[in-house]
Structure formats: C-alpha cells, structure tokens
C-alpha cells in the first residue's frame, strides 16, 4: 500500500476508533497517527491469526485498522487513568 493509502486508511480508521471510544482530543494529524498506529497493531494481530494483515486499501483493512486503533486508544486511556470514571 502506498503512503497515500496509509494516510487515507489512517484517517478513516482513526476517526472511527475515536468515535467508538469517545476520545475527546481533536486534530487531523492526531486522528491519522492513531489510525496508522492502529493499522500496524491490527495488522500485526491479524497476521498472527490468519497470516494476512493490512496490505491493501479495502473495507477489511479499514476494519482491522479501526480495531487496532480502538485497542490503542483504550490502552492510552487506561495508562492515563481515564477509564470508567471519566469527568467532563
């Protein structure tokens, strides 16, 4: 996948993950980084399960990247101590 493909998958999956987790940080670059890191995490996890990670632009790739991004955001929230007792 090209760098543009990674950026597009990162933006879509990062936005989806931020919506699912209710992350209140903002910014296009933050969303893209979360999505690309999620693609790396999700791709690694999927490659251990079925030997096919994130390698092309498809709905499956976006889903795998979103799952990885959700896991990343949940870990970041747990480290920051913003789990179930989150204040607004």
N, C-alpha and C. Protein backbone atom coordinates (compact mmCIF):
# COMPACT_ATOMS: atom_id res chain seq x y z
N UNK A 1 0.86 -1.16 0.00
CA UNK A 1 0.00 0.00 0.00
C UNK A 1 0.91 1.23 0.00
N UNK A 2 0.53 2.25 -0.73
CA UNK A 2 1.32 3.48 -0.82
C UNK A 2 1.12 4.34 0.42
N UNK A 3 1.92 5.37 0.53
CA UNK A 3 1.83 6.28 1.68
C UNK A 3 0.48 6.99 1.70
N UNK A 4 -0.06 7.30 0.54
CA UNK A 4 -1.38 7.94 0.47
C UNK A 4 -2.45 6.97 0.97
N UNK A 5 -2.31 5.71 0.62
CA UNK A 5 -3.25 4.70 1.11
C UNK A 5 -3.21 4.57 2.62
N UNK A 6 -2.00 4.59 3.20
CA UNK A 6 -1.87 4.52 4.66
C UNK A 6 -2.51 5.74 5.31
N UNK A 7 -2.33 6.91 4.71
CA UNK A 7 -2.91 8.13 5.27
C UNK A 7 -4.44 8.06 5.23
N UNK A 8 -4.99 7.63 4.11
CA UNK A 8 -6.46 7.54 3.98
C UNK A 8 -7.02 6.50 4.95
N UNK A 9 -6.39 5.32 5.00
CA UNK A 9 -6.84 4.29 5.94
C UNK A 9 -6.70 4.80 7.37
N UNK A 10 -5.61 5.51 7.66
CA UNK A 10 -5.40 6.06 8.99
C UNK A 10 -6.45 7.07 9.38
N UNK A 11 -6.81 7.96 8.47
CA UNK A 11 -7.83 8.96 8.78
C UNK A 11 -9.20 8.32 9.01
N UNK A 12 -9.57 7.39 8.15
CA UNK A 12 -10.88 6.76 8.28
C UNK A 12 -10.95 5.90 9.54
N UNK A 13 -9.96 5.04 9.74
CA UNK A 13 -10.00 4.15 10.89
C UNK A 13 -9.76 4.91 12.20
N UNK A 14 -8.92 5.92 12.19
CA UNK A 14 -8.71 6.73 13.39
C UNK A 14 -9.96 7.48 13.78
N UNK A 15 -10.66 8.04 12.81
CA UNK A 15 -11.92 8.73 13.10
C UNK A 15 -12.97 7.78 13.63
N UNK A 16 -13.04 6.60 13.04
CA UNK A 16 -13.99 5.59 13.50
C UNK A 16 -13.66 5.15 14.93
N UNK A 17 -12.39 4.92 15.20
CA UNK A 17 -11.98 4.49 16.55
C UNK A 17 -12.23 5.59 17.58
N UNK A 18 -11.94 6.84 17.22
CA UNK A 18 -12.19 7.94 18.15
C UNK A 18 -13.67 8.09 18.44
N UNK A 19 -14.52 7.82 17.46
CA UNK A 19 -15.97 7.89 17.65
C UNK A 19 -16.43 6.75 18.56
N UNK A 20 -15.90 5.55 18.38
CA UNK A 20 -16.29 4.39 19.19
C UNK A 20 -15.86 4.58 20.65
N UNK A 21 -14.64 5.05 20.86
CA UNK A 21 -14.08 5.17 22.20
C UNK A 21 -14.50 6.48 22.87
N UNK A 22 -15.06 7.39 22.12
CA UNK A 22 -15.45 8.72 22.62
C UNK A 22 -14.23 9.51 23.08
N UNK A 23 -13.18 9.49 22.27
CA UNK A 23 -11.96 10.24 22.55
C UNK A 23 -12.22 11.71 22.28
N UNK A 24 -11.86 12.57 23.23
CA UNK A 24 -12.19 13.99 23.10
C UNK A 24 -11.04 14.84 22.56
N UNK A 25 -9.93 14.24 22.21
CA UNK A 25 -8.85 15.00 21.59
C UNK A 25 -9.22 15.32 20.16
N UNK A 26 -8.67 16.40 19.64
CA UNK A 26 -9.04 16.77 18.28
C UNK A 26 -7.79 16.96 17.43
N UNK A 27 -8.00 16.96 16.16
CA UNK A 27 -6.92 17.21 15.23
C UNK A 27 -6.81 16.13 14.18
N UNK A 28 -6.58 16.56 12.98
CA UNK A 28 -6.48 15.66 11.84
C UNK A 28 -5.21 14.81 11.93
N UNK A 29 -4.11 15.41 12.36
CA UNK A 29 -2.85 14.69 12.46
C UNK A 29 -2.94 13.63 13.56
N UNK A 30 -3.53 13.99 14.70
CA UNK A 30 -3.73 13.03 15.79
C UNK A 30 -4.56 11.84 15.32
N UNK A 31 -5.65 12.12 14.62
CA UNK A 31 -6.53 11.06 14.12
C UNK A 31 -5.78 10.15 13.15
N UNK A 32 -4.98 10.75 12.27
CA UNK A 32 -4.23 9.97 11.29
C UNK A 32 -3.19 9.09 11.99
N UNK A 33 -2.49 9.64 12.98
CA UNK A 33 -1.47 8.87 13.69
C UNK A 33 -2.11 7.71 14.44
N UNK A 34 -3.24 7.97 15.10
CA UNK A 34 -3.95 6.89 15.80
C UNK A 34 -4.36 5.81 14.81
N UNK A 35 -4.86 6.21 13.65
CA UNK A 35 -5.29 5.24 12.65
C UNK A 35 -4.15 4.43 12.06
N UNK A 36 -3.03 5.08 11.76
CA UNK A 36 -1.89 4.37 11.19
C UNK A 36 -1.28 3.43 12.23
N UNK A 37 -1.13 3.89 13.46
CA UNK A 37 -0.64 3.00 14.52
C UNK A 37 -1.62 1.86 14.76
N UNK A 38 -2.91 2.16 14.67
CA UNK A 38 -3.93 1.11 14.79
C UNK A 38 -3.82 0.10 13.66
N UNK A 39 -3.49 0.57 12.46
CA UNK A 39 -3.31 -0.34 11.32
C UNK A 39 -2.11 -1.26 11.57
N UNK A 40 -1.06 -0.71 12.13
CA UNK A 40 0.11 -1.53 12.43
C UNK A 40 -0.21 -2.56 13.51
N UNK A 41 -0.90 -2.13 14.57
CA UNK A 41 -1.27 -3.04 15.65
C UNK A 41 -2.26 -4.09 15.16
N UNK A 42 -3.32 -3.64 14.50
CA UNK A 42 -4.33 -4.57 13.98
C UNK A 42 -3.76 -5.51 12.93
N UNK A 43 -2.89 -4.99 12.06
CA UNK A 43 -2.26 -5.83 11.05
C UNK A 43 -1.38 -6.90 11.67
N UNK A 44 -0.65 -6.51 12.71
CA UNK A 44 0.19 -7.49 13.40
C UNK A 44 -0.67 -8.56 14.06
N UNK A 45 -1.75 -8.15 14.74
CA UNK A 45 -2.63 -9.13 15.38
C UNK A 45 -3.29 -10.05 14.36
N UNK A 46 -3.75 -9.50 13.25
CA UNK A 46 -4.41 -10.31 12.24
C UNK A 46 -3.42 -11.24 11.53
N UNK A 47 -2.18 -10.80 11.37
CA UNK A 47 -1.20 -11.66 10.72
C UNK A 47 -0.85 -12.86 11.60
N UNK A 48 -0.98 -12.71 12.92
CA UNK A 48 -0.76 -13.87 13.78
C UNK A 48 -1.94 -14.83 13.74
N UNK A 49 -3.12 -14.32 13.40
CA UNK A 49 -4.31 -15.17 13.36
C UNK A 49 -4.47 -15.86 12.00
N UNK A 50 -4.44 -15.07 10.91
CA UNK A 50 -4.71 -15.67 9.60
C UNK A 50 -3.67 -15.34 8.53
N UNK A 51 -2.52 -14.91 8.92
CA UNK A 51 -1.37 -14.62 8.05
C UNK A 51 -1.65 -13.55 6.99
N UNK A 52 -2.67 -12.74 7.18
CA UNK A 52 -2.91 -11.62 6.27
C UNK A 52 -3.22 -10.39 7.11
N UNK A 53 -2.34 -9.41 7.08
CA UNK A 53 -2.54 -8.19 7.85
C UNK A 53 -3.21 -7.12 7.02
N UNK A 54 -2.72 -5.90 7.13
CA UNK A 54 -3.22 -4.78 6.36
C UNK A 54 -2.25 -4.57 5.21
N UNK A 55 -2.68 -4.93 4.00
CA UNK A 55 -1.76 -4.83 2.87
C UNK A 55 -2.36 -4.17 1.64
N UNK A 56 -3.63 -3.86 1.65
CA UNK A 56 -4.25 -3.17 0.53
C UNK A 56 -5.39 -2.30 1.04
N UNK A 57 -5.84 -1.38 0.22
CA UNK A 57 -6.93 -0.49 0.60
C UNK A 57 -8.25 -1.21 0.38
N UNK A 58 -8.91 -1.60 1.47
CA UNK A 58 -10.19 -2.29 1.39
C UNK A 58 -10.96 -2.06 2.68
N UNK A 59 -12.20 -2.50 2.67
CA UNK A 59 -13.04 -2.39 3.87
C UNK A 59 -12.44 -3.23 4.99
N UNK A 60 -11.90 -4.39 4.66
CA UNK A 60 -11.27 -5.25 5.66
C UNK A 60 -10.09 -4.53 6.31
N UNK A 61 -9.27 -3.86 5.51
CA UNK A 61 -8.13 -3.12 6.05
C UNK A 61 -8.57 -2.01 6.98
N UNK A 62 -9.61 -1.30 6.60
CA UNK A 62 -10.12 -0.23 7.46
C UNK A 62 -10.66 -0.82 8.76
N UNK A 63 -11.36 -1.94 8.68
CA UNK A 63 -11.88 -2.59 9.89
C UNK A 63 -10.78 -3.08 10.81
N UNK A 64 -9.76 -3.71 10.24
CA UNK A 64 -8.63 -4.19 11.03
C UNK A 64 -7.90 -3.01 11.67
N UNK A 65 -7.70 -1.95 10.91
CA UNK A 65 -7.04 -0.76 11.44
C UNK A 65 -7.87 -0.11 12.53
N UNK A 66 -9.18 -0.07 12.37
CA UNK A 66 -10.06 0.51 13.39
C UNK A 66 -10.02 -0.30 14.67
N UNK A 67 -10.00 -1.62 14.56
CA UNK A 67 -9.90 -2.47 15.75
C UNK A 67 -8.58 -2.21 16.48
N UNK A 68 -7.49 -2.13 15.73
CA UNK A 68 -6.20 -1.82 16.33
C UNK A 68 -6.18 -0.44 16.96
N UNK A 69 -6.82 0.54 16.32
CA UNK A 69 -6.86 1.90 16.86
C UNK A 69 -7.71 1.96 18.12
N UNK A 70 -8.81 1.21 18.17
CA UNK A 70 -9.63 1.16 19.38
C UNK A 70 -8.82 0.57 20.53
N UNK A 71 -8.10 -0.51 20.25
CA UNK A 71 -7.25 -1.10 21.29
C UNK A 71 -6.19 -0.10 21.76
N UNK A 72 -5.58 0.62 20.84
CA UNK A 72 -4.58 1.62 21.18
C UNK A 72 -5.18 2.71 22.06
N UNK A 73 -6.34 3.23 21.70
CA UNK A 73 -6.98 4.29 22.49
C UNK A 73 -7.39 3.80 23.87
N UNK A 74 -7.86 2.57 23.96
CA UNK A 74 -8.24 2.02 25.27
C UNK A 74 -7.02 1.87 26.17
N UNK A 75 -5.90 1.43 25.59
CA UNK A 75 -4.67 1.31 26.37
C UNK A 75 -4.19 2.68 26.81
N UNK A 76 -4.24 3.65 25.92
CA UNK A 76 -3.82 5.01 26.27
C UNK A 76 -4.70 5.59 27.37
N UNK A 77 -6.00 5.35 27.31
CA UNK A 77 -6.90 5.84 28.36
C UNK A 77 -6.65 5.13 29.68
N UNK A 78 -6.34 3.84 29.64
CA UNK A 78 -6.05 3.11 30.87
C UNK A 78 -4.75 3.61 31.50
N UNK A 79 -3.76 3.90 30.68
CA UNK A 79 -2.49 4.43 31.20
C UNK A 79 -2.70 5.80 31.81
N UNK A 80 -3.51 6.62 31.16
CA UNK A 80 -3.77 7.97 31.66
C UNK A 80 -4.72 7.98 32.84
N UNK A 81 -5.33 6.84 33.17
CA UNK A 81 -6.25 6.78 34.30
C UNK A 81 -7.60 7.39 34.01
N UNK A 82 -8.01 7.34 32.75
CA UNK A 82 -9.29 7.94 32.36
C UNK A 82 -10.27 6.87 31.97
N UNK A 83 -10.32 5.78 32.71
CA UNK A 83 -11.20 4.68 32.38
C UNK A 83 -12.66 5.00 32.58
N UNK A 84 -13.32 4.27 33.46
CA UNK A 84 -14.76 4.40 33.65
C UNK A 84 -15.14 5.66 34.43
N UNK A 85 -14.23 6.22 35.18
CA UNK A 85 -14.56 7.41 36.00
C UNK A 85 -14.09 8.67 35.32
N UNK A 86 -14.45 8.84 34.11
CA UNK A 86 -14.05 9.99 33.31
C UNK A 86 -14.93 11.19 33.60
N UNK A 87 -14.32 12.32 33.89
CA UNK A 87 -15.08 13.54 34.18
C UNK A 87 -15.12 14.44 32.96
N UNK A 88 -16.19 15.20 32.87
CA UNK A 88 -16.30 16.16 31.76
C UNK A 88 -16.43 17.54 32.29
